[in-house]
């Protein structure tokens, strides 16, 4: 995964499903950062995503492996 890739998010949990319903599933990778620590106190690799249709409004960090709320699929460019 690298900046510029288009991805599709699908909700895994109630929270994730609500976010996809409200904000859509099409996103673009802005940055990939490894070694970030979020809620579970383990270092993981995360992708910073921006909304494809409205980049100024929605941004999101998603773990590249085993994200709690989302499944992430890379789309063809």
PDB file of N, CA and C in Angstrom:
ATOM      1  N   UNK A   1       0.856  -1.175   0.000  1.00  0.00           N
ATOM      2  CA  UNK A   1       0.000   0.000   0.000  1.00  0.00           C
ATOM      3  C   UNK A   1       0.897   1.232   0.000  1.00  0.00           C
ATOM      4  N   UNK A   2       0.554   2.183  -0.862  1.00  0.00           N
ATOM      5  CA  UNK A   2       1.357   3.403  -0.961  1.00  0.00           C
ATOM      6  C   UNK A   2       0.456   4.591  -1.273  1.00  0.00           C
ATOM      7  N   UNK A   3       0.951   5.798  -1.020  1.00  0.00           N
ATOM      8  CA  UNK A   3       0.151   6.995  -1.297  1.00  0.00           C
ATOM      9  C   UNK A   3      -0.346   7.022  -2.739  1.00  0.00           C
ATOM     10  N   UNK A   4      -1.594   7.430  -2.883  1.00  0.00           N
ATOM     11  CA  UNK A   4      -2.216   7.502  -4.190  1.00  0.00           C
ATOM     12  C   UNK A   4      -3.101   6.315  -4.517  1.00  0.00           C
ATOM     13  N   UNK A   5      -2.921   5.191  -3.785  1.00  0.00           N
ATOM     14  CA  UNK A   5      -3.784   4.033  -4.013  1.00  0.00           C
ATOM     15  C   UNK A   5      -5.215   4.358  -3.623  1.00  0.00           C
ATOM     16  N   UNK A   6      -6.149   3.850  -4.408  1.00  0.00           N
ATOM     17  CA  UNK A   6      -7.572   3.976  -4.074  1.00  0.00           C
ATOM     18  C   UNK A   6      -7.984   2.723  -3.317  1.00  0.00           C
ATOM     19  N   UNK A   7      -8.761   2.897  -2.253  1.00  0.00           N
ATOM     20  CA  UNK A   7      -9.211   1.768  -1.454  1.00  0.00           C
ATOM     21  C   UNK A   7     -10.718   1.849  -1.212  1.00  0.00           C
ATOM     22  N   UNK A   8     -11.288   0.692  -0.924  1.00  0.00           N
ATOM     23  CA  UNK A   8     -12.699   0.606  -0.572  1.00  0.00           C
ATOM     24  C   UNK A   8     -12.776   0.107   0.857  1.00  0.00           C
ATOM     25  N   UNK A   9     -13.492   0.842   1.702  1.00  0.00           N
ATOM     26  CA  UNK A   9     -13.717   0.417   3.081  1.00  0.00           C
ATOM     27  C   UNK A   9     -15.078  -0.252   3.187  1.00  0.00           C
ATOM     28  N   UNK A  10     -15.125  -1.325   3.965  1.00  0.00           N
ATOM     29  CA  UNK A  10     -16.363  -2.015   4.289  1.00  0.00           C
ATOM     30  C   UNK A  10     -16.418  -2.124   5.796  1.00  0.00           C
ATOM     31  N   UNK A  11     -17.566  -1.840   6.376  1.00  0.00           N
ATOM     32  CA  UNK A  11     -17.696  -1.875   7.830  1.00  0.00           C
ATOM     33  C   UNK A  11     -17.637  -3.281   8.384  1.00  0.00           C
ATOM     34  N   UNK A  12     -16.920  -3.427   9.492  1.00  0.00           N
ATOM     35  CA  UNK A  12     -16.793  -4.696  10.198  1.00  0.00           C
ATOM     36  C   UNK A  12     -17.658  -4.668  11.462  1.00  0.00           C
ATOM     37  N   UNK A  13     -17.621  -3.557  12.166  1.00  0.00           N
ATOM     38  CA  UNK A  13     -18.384  -3.385  13.403  1.00  0.00           C
ATOM     39  C   UNK A  13     -19.544  -2.421  13.140  1.00  0.00           C
ATOM     40  N   UNK A  14     -20.378  -2.237  14.133  1.00  0.00           N
ATOM     41  CA  UNK A  14     -21.479  -1.277  14.004  1.00  0.00           C
ATOM     42  C   UNK A  14     -20.926   0.125  13.701  1.00  0.00           C
ATOM     43  N   UNK A  15     -19.867   0.509  14.409  1.00  0.00           N
ATOM     44  CA  UNK A  15     -19.236   1.816  14.187  1.00  0.00           C
ATOM     45  C   UNK A  15     -18.742   1.940  12.740  1.00  0.00           C
ATOM     46  N   UNK A  16     -18.027   0.918  12.260  1.00  0.00           N
ATOM     47  CA  UNK A  16     -17.502   0.944  10.897  1.00  0.00           C
ATOM     48  C   UNK A  16     -18.604   0.975   9.853  1.00  0.00           C
ATOM     49  N   UNK A  17     -19.648   0.200  10.061  1.00  0.00           N
ATOM     50  CA  UNK A  17     -20.768   0.184   9.110  1.00  0.00           C
ATOM     51  C   UNK A  17     -21.460   1.539   9.066  1.00  0.00           C
ATOM     52  N   UNK A  18     -21.613   2.189  10.221  1.00  0.00           N
ATOM     53  CA  UNK A  18     -22.219   3.526  10.247  1.00  0.00           C
ATOM     54  C   UNK A  18     -21.346   4.543   9.514  1.00  0.00           C
ATOM     55  N   UNK A  19     -20.020   4.481   9.694  1.00  0.00           N
ATOM     56  CA  UNK A  19     -19.135   5.420   9.027  1.00  0.00           C
ATOM     57  C   UNK A  19     -19.191   5.248   7.508  1.00  0.00           C
ATOM     58  N   UNK A  20     -19.214   4.003   7.049  1.00  0.00           N
ATOM     59  CA  UNK A  20     -19.299   3.751   5.609  1.00  0.00           C
ATOM     60  C   UNK A  20     -20.642   4.235   5.076  1.00  0.00           C
ATOM     61  N   UNK A  21     -21.707   4.013   5.816  1.00  0.00           N
ATOM     62  CA  UNK A  21     -23.028   4.473   5.394  1.00  0.00           C
ATOM     63  C   UNK A  21     -23.070   5.999   5.314  1.00  0.00           C
ATOM     64  N   UNK A  22     -22.476   6.684   6.283  1.00  0.00           N
ATOM     65  CA  UNK A  22     -22.502   8.143   6.336  1.00  0.00           C
ATOM     66  C   UNK A  22     -21.495   8.807   5.393  1.00  0.00           C
ATOM     67  N   UNK A  23     -20.298   8.213   5.242  1.00  0.00           N
ATOM     68  CA  UNK A  23     -19.211   8.868   4.515  1.00  0.00           C
ATOM     69  C   UNK A  23     -18.830   8.168   3.215  1.00  0.00           C
ATOM     70  N   UNK A  24     -19.353   6.988   2.972  1.00  0.00           N
ATOM     71  CA  UNK A  24     -19.043   6.255   1.748  1.00  0.00           C
ATOM     72  C   UNK A  24     -17.853   5.347   1.905  1.00  0.00           C
ATOM     73  N   UNK A  25     -17.639   4.515   0.895  1.00  0.00           N
ATOM     74  CA  UNK A  25     -16.579   3.520   0.973  1.00  0.00           C
ATOM     75  C   UNK A  25     -15.344   3.837   0.159  1.00  0.00           C
ATOM     76  N   UNK A  26     -15.390   4.840  -0.725  1.00  0.00           N
ATOM     77  CA  UNK A  26     -14.254   5.154  -1.605  1.00  0.00           C
ATOM     78  C   UNK A  26     -13.305   6.150  -0.946  1.00  0.00           C
ATOM     79  N   UNK A  27     -12.037   5.747  -0.774  1.00  0.00           N
ATOM     80  CA  UNK A  27     -11.027   6.572  -0.113  1.00  0.00           C
ATOM     81  C   UNK A  27      -9.719   6.512  -0.890  1.00  0.00           C
ATOM     82  N   UNK A  28      -8.813   7.457  -0.609  1.00  0.00           N
ATOM     83  CA  UNK A  28      -7.491   7.508  -1.235  1.00  0.00           C
ATOM     84  C   UNK A  28      -6.432   7.527  -0.131  1.00  0.00           C
ATOM     85  N   UNK A  29      -5.375   6.726  -0.299  1.00  0.00           N
ATOM     86  CA  UNK A  29      -4.280   6.684   0.679  1.00  0.00           C
ATOM     87  C   UNK A  29      -3.437   7.942   0.526  1.00  0.00           C
ATOM     88  N   UNK A  30      -3.249   8.667   1.630  1.00  0.00           N
ATOM     89  CA  UNK A  30      -2.425   9.867   1.645  1.00  0.00           C
ATOM     90  C   UNK A  30      -1.024   9.541   2.144  1.00  0.00           C
ATOM     91  N   UNK A  31      -0.953   8.693   3.166  1.00  0.00           N
ATOM     92  CA  UNK A  31       0.324   8.396   3.811  1.00  0.00           C
ATOM     93  C   UNK A  31       0.219   7.052   4.508  1.00  0.00           C
ATOM     94  N   UNK A  32       1.324   6.306   4.552  1.00  0.00           N
ATOM     95  CA  UNK A  32       1.405   5.068   5.320  1.00  0.00           C
ATOM     96  C   UNK A  32       2.454   5.279   6.396  1.00  0.00           C
ATOM     97  N   UNK A  33       2.102   4.963   7.632  1.00  0.00           N
ATOM     98  CA  UNK A  33       2.998   5.201   8.753  1.00  0.00           C
ATOM     99  C   UNK A  33       3.075   3.946   9.608  1.00  0.00           C
ATOM    100  N   UNK A  34       4.265   3.461   9.863  1.00  0.00           N
ATOM    101  CA  UNK A  34       4.422   2.282  10.709  1.00  0.00           C
ATOM    102  C   UNK A  34       4.860   2.704  12.098  1.00  0.00           C
ATOM    103  N   UNK A  35       4.560   1.867  13.043  1.00  0.00           N
ATOM    104  CA  UNK A  35       4.987   2.116  14.408  1.00  0.00           C
ATOM    105  C   UNK A  35       4.088   3.041  15.197  1.00  0.00           C
ATOM    106  N   UNK A  36       2.915   3.358  14.691  1.00  0.00           N
ATOM    107  CA  UNK A  36       1.981   4.186  15.456  1.00  0.00           C
ATOM    108  C   UNK A  36       1.290   3.344  16.516  1.00  0.00           C
ATOM    109  N   UNK A  37       0.996   3.944  17.640  1.00  0.00           N
ATOM    110  CA  UNK A  37       0.297   3.247  18.714  1.00  0.00           C
ATOM    111  C   UNK A  37      -1.046   3.927  18.927  1.00  0.00           C
ATOM    112  N   UNK A  38      -2.110   3.148  18.785  1.00  0.00           N
ATOM    113  CA  UNK A  38      -3.449   3.668  19.024  1.00  0.00           C
ATOM    114  C   UNK A  38      -4.029   2.980  20.253  1.00  0.00           C
ATOM    115  N   UNK A  39      -5.283   2.695  20.286  1.00  0.00           N
ATOM    116  CA  UNK A  39      -5.999   2.275  21.481  1.00  0.00           C
ATOM    117  C   UNK A  39      -5.513   0.976  22.109  1.00  0.00           C
ATOM    118  N   UNK A  40      -5.002   0.034  21.345  1.00  0.00           N
ATOM    119  CA  UNK A  40      -4.658  -1.261  21.939  1.00  0.00           C
ATOM    120  C   UNK A  40      -3.207  -1.362  22.407  1.00  0.00           C
ATOM    121  N   UNK A  41      -2.461  -0.259  22.382  1.00  0.00           N
ATOM    122  CA  UNK A  41      -1.088  -0.182  22.888  1.00  0.00           C
ATOM    123  C   UNK A  41      -0.090  -1.082  22.154  1.00  0.00           C
ATOM    124  N   UNK A  42      -0.407  -1.468  20.928  1.00  0.00           N
ATOM    125  CA  UNK A  42       0.531  -2.236  20.120  1.00  0.00           C
ATOM    126  C   UNK A  42       0.913  -1.403  18.900  1.00  0.00           C
ATOM    127  N   UNK A  43       2.169  -1.514  18.492  1.00  0.00           N
ATOM    128  CA  UNK A  43       2.605  -0.785  17.296  1.00  0.00           C
ATOM    129  C   UNK A  43       2.024  -1.471  16.063  1.00  0.00           C
ATOM    130  N   UNK A  44       1.463  -0.662  15.174  1.00  0.00           N
ATOM    131  CA  UNK A  44       0.877  -1.173  13.949  1.00  0.00           C
ATOM    132  C   UNK A  44       1.217  -0.242  12.793  1.00  0.00           C
ATOM    133  N   UNK A  45       0.963  -0.731  11.599  1.00  0.00           N
ATOM    134  CA  UNK A  45       1.127   0.092  10.409  1.00  0.00           C
ATOM    135  C   UNK A  45      -0.257   0.609  10.015  1.00  0.00           C
ATOM    136  N   UNK A  46      -0.362   1.918   9.877  1.00  0.00           N
ATOM    137  CA  UNK A  46      -1.632   2.559   9.561  1.00  0.00           C
ATOM    138  C   UNK A  46      -1.535   3.331   8.260  1.00  0.00           C
ATOM    139  N   UNK A  47      -2.684   3.474   7.600  1.00  0.00           N
ATOM    140  CA  UNK A  47      -2.792   4.314   6.412  1.00  0.00           C
ATOM    141  C   UNK A  47      -3.683   5.497   6.751  1.00  0.00           C
ATOM    142  N   UNK A  48      -3.234   6.680   6.384  1.00  0.00           N
ATOM    143  CA  UNK A  48      -4.056   7.880   6.505  1.00  0.00           C
ATOM    144  C   UNK A  48      -4.835   8.002   5.210  1.00  0.00           C
ATOM    145  N   UNK A  49      -6.160   8.037   5.319  1.00  0.00           N
ATOM    146  CA  UNK A  49      -7.029   8.083   4.149  1.00  0.00           C
ATOM    147  C   UNK A  49      -7.783   9.397   4.095  1.00  0.00           C
ATOM    148  N   UNK A  50      -8.062   9.853   2.874  1.00  0.00           N
ATOM    149  CA  UNK A  50      -8.932  11.005   2.685  1.00  0.00           C
ATOM    150  C   UNK A  50     -10.087  10.560   1.807  1.00  0.00           C
ATOM    151  N   UNK A  51     -11.227  11.181   2.009  1.00  0.00           N
ATOM    152  CA  UNK A  51     -12.418  10.851   1.237  1.00  0.00           C
ATOM    153  C   UNK A  51     -12.175  11.178  -0.218  1.00  0.00           C
ATOM    154  N   UNK A  52     -12.481  10.259  -1.101  1.00  0.00           N
ATOM    155  CA  UNK A  52     -12.193  10.460  -2.520  1.00  0.00           C
ATOM    156  C   UNK A  52     -12.994  11.621  -3.107  1.00  0.00           C
ATOM    157  N   UNK A  53     -14.274  11.712  -2.810  1.00  0.00           N
ATOM    158  CA  UNK A  53     -15.102  12.753  -3.409  1.00  0.00           C
ATOM    159  C   UNK A  53     -15.024  14.098  -2.723  1.00  0.00           C
ATOM    160  N   UNK A  54     -14.661  14.129  -1.441  1.00  0.00           N
ATOM    161  CA  UNK A  54     -14.645  15.367  -0.672  1.00  0.00           C
ATOM    162  C   UNK A  54     -13.455  15.348   0.292  1.00  0.00           C
ATOM    163  N   UNK A  55     -12.235  15.557  -0.216  1.00  0.00           N
ATOM    164  CA  UNK A  55     -11.039  15.377   0.606  1.00  0.00           C
ATOM    165  C   UNK A  55     -10.892  16.345   1.774  1.00  0.00           C
ATOM    166  N   UNK A  56     -11.506  17.504   1.708  1.00  0.00           N
ATOM    167  CA  UNK A  56     -11.361  18.466   2.804  1.00  0.00           C
ATOM    168  C   UNK A  56     -12.231  18.107   3.997  1.00  0.00           C
ATOM    169  N   UNK A  57     -13.247  17.300   3.794  1.00  0.00           N
ATOM    170  CA  UNK A  57     -14.209  17.033   4.857  1.00  0.00           C
ATOM    171  C   UNK A  57     -13.886  15.804   5.714  1.00  0.00           C
ATOM    172  N   UNK A  58     -13.461  14.705   5.094  1.00  0.00           N
ATOM    173  CA  UNK A  58     -13.296  13.457   5.850  1.00  0.00           C
ATOM    174  C   UNK A  58     -11.889  12.891   5.701  1.00  0.00           C
ATOM    175  N   UNK A  59     -11.282  12.561   6.856  1.00  0.00           N
ATOM    176  CA  UNK A  59      -9.977  11.911   6.934  1.00  0.00           C
ATOM    177  C   UNK A  59     -10.092  10.775   7.932  1.00  0.00           C
ATOM    178  N   UNK A  60      -9.275   9.742   7.781  1.00  0.00           N
ATOM    179  CA  UNK A  60      -9.378   8.592   8.671  1.00  0.00           C
ATOM    180  C   UNK A  60      -8.069   7.814   8.698  1.00  0.00           C
ATOM    181  N   UNK A  61      -7.689   7.319   9.889  1.00  0.00           N
ATOM    182  CA  UNK A  61      -6.571   6.391  10.030  1.00  0.00           C
ATOM    183  C   UNK A  61      -7.160   4.981  10.069  1.00  0.00           C
ATOM    184  N   UNK A  62      -6.591   4.068   9.279  1.00  0.00           N
ATOM    185  CA  UNK A  62      -7.050   2.680   9.266  1.00  0.00           C
ATOM    186  C   UNK A  62      -5.824   1.771   9.336  1.00  0.00           C
ATOM    187  N   UNK A  63      -5.875   0.775  10.225  1.00  0.00           N
ATOM    188  CA  UNK A  63      -4.777  -0.185  10.329  1.00  0.00           C
ATOM    189  C   UNK A  63      -4.722  -1.039   9.064  1.00  0.00           C
ATOM    190  N   UNK A  64      -3.517  -1.290   8.564  1.00  0.00           N
ATOM    191  CA  UNK A  64      -3.384  -2.087   7.346  1.00  0.00           C
ATOM    192  C   UNK A  64      -3.720  -3.554   7.594  1.00  0.00           C
ATOM    193  N   UNK A  65      -3.493  -4.047   8.804  1.00  0.00           N
ATOM    194  CA  UNK A  65      -3.843  -5.424   9.152  1.00  0.00           C
ATOM    195  C   UNK A  65      -4.733  -5.405  10.389  1.00  0.00           C
ATOM    196  N   UNK A  66      -5.777  -6.167  10.341  1.00  0.00           N
ATOM    197  CA  UNK A  66      -6.655  -6.379  11.504  1.00  0.00           C
ATOM    198  C   UNK A  66      -7.209  -5.088  12.088  1.00  0.00           C
ATOM    199  N   UNK A  67      -7.713  -4.188  11.242  1.00  0.00           N
ATOM    200  CA  UNK A  67      -8.356  -2.990  11.769  1.00  0.00           C
ATOM    201  C   UNK A  67      -9.608  -3.387  12.535  1.00  0.00           C
ATOM    202  N   UNK A  68      -9.859  -2.710  13.622  1.00  0.00           N
ATOM    203  CA  UNK A  68     -10.987  -3.040  14.494  1.00  0.00           C
ATOM    204  C   UNK A  68     -12.336  -2.803  13.808  1.00  0.00           C
ATOM    205  N   UNK A  69     -12.451  -1.745  13.007  1.00  0.00           N
ATOM    206  CA  UNK A  69     -13.747  -1.334  12.469  1.00  0.00           C
ATOM    207  C   UNK A  69     -13.956  -1.549  10.979  1.00  0.00           C
ATOM    208  N   UNK A  70     -12.876  -1.764  10.215  1.00  0.00           N
ATOM    209  CA  UNK A  70     -13.002  -1.798   8.763  1.00  0.00           C
ATOM    210  C   UNK A  70     -12.240  -2.933   8.112  1.00  0.00           C
ATOM    211  N   UNK A  71     -12.795  -3.426   6.988  1.00  0.00           N
ATOM    212  CA  UNK A  71     -12.064  -4.236   6.026  1.00  0.00           C
ATOM    213  C   UNK A  71     -11.634  -3.250   4.948  1.00  0.00           C
ATOM    214  N   UNK A  72     -10.405  -3.382   4.448  1.00  0.00           N
ATOM    215  CA  UNK A  72      -9.918  -2.445   3.431  1.00  0.00           C
ATOM    216  C   UNK A  72      -9.465  -3.250   2.209  1.00  0.00           C
ATOM    217  N   UNK A  73      -9.956  -2.836   1.044  1.00  0.00           N
ATOM    218  CA  UNK A  73      -9.638  -3.503  -0.215  1.00  0.00           C
ATOM    219  C   UNK A  73      -9.017  -2.481  -1.164  1.00  0.00           C
ATOM    220  N   UNK A  74      -7.860  -2.816  -1.732  1.00  0.00           N
ATOM    221  CA  UNK A  74      -7.204  -1.931  -2.708  1.00  0.00           C
ATOM    222  C   UNK A  74      -7.909  -2.080  -4.059  1.00  0.00           C
ATOM    223  N   UNK A  75      -8.224  -0.945  -4.671  1.00  0.00           N
ATOM    224  CA  UNK A  75      -8.898  -0.940  -5.964  1.00  0.00           C
ATOM    225  C   UNK A  75      -7.892  -0.728  -7.081  1.00  0.00           C
ATOM    226  N   UNK A  76      -8.248  -1.132  -8.266  1.00  0.00           N
ATOM    227  CA  UNK A  76      -7.417  -0.908  -9.443  1.00  0.00           C
ATOM    228  C   UNK A  76      -7.373   0.583  -9.734  1.00  0.00           C
ATOM    229  N   UNK A  77      -6.234   1.098 -10.191  1.00  0.00           N
ATOM    230  CA  UNK A  77      -6.128   2.520 -10.512  1.00  0.00           C
ATOM    231  C   UNK A  77      -6.457   2.792 -11.959  1.00  0.00           C
TER     232      UNK A  77
END
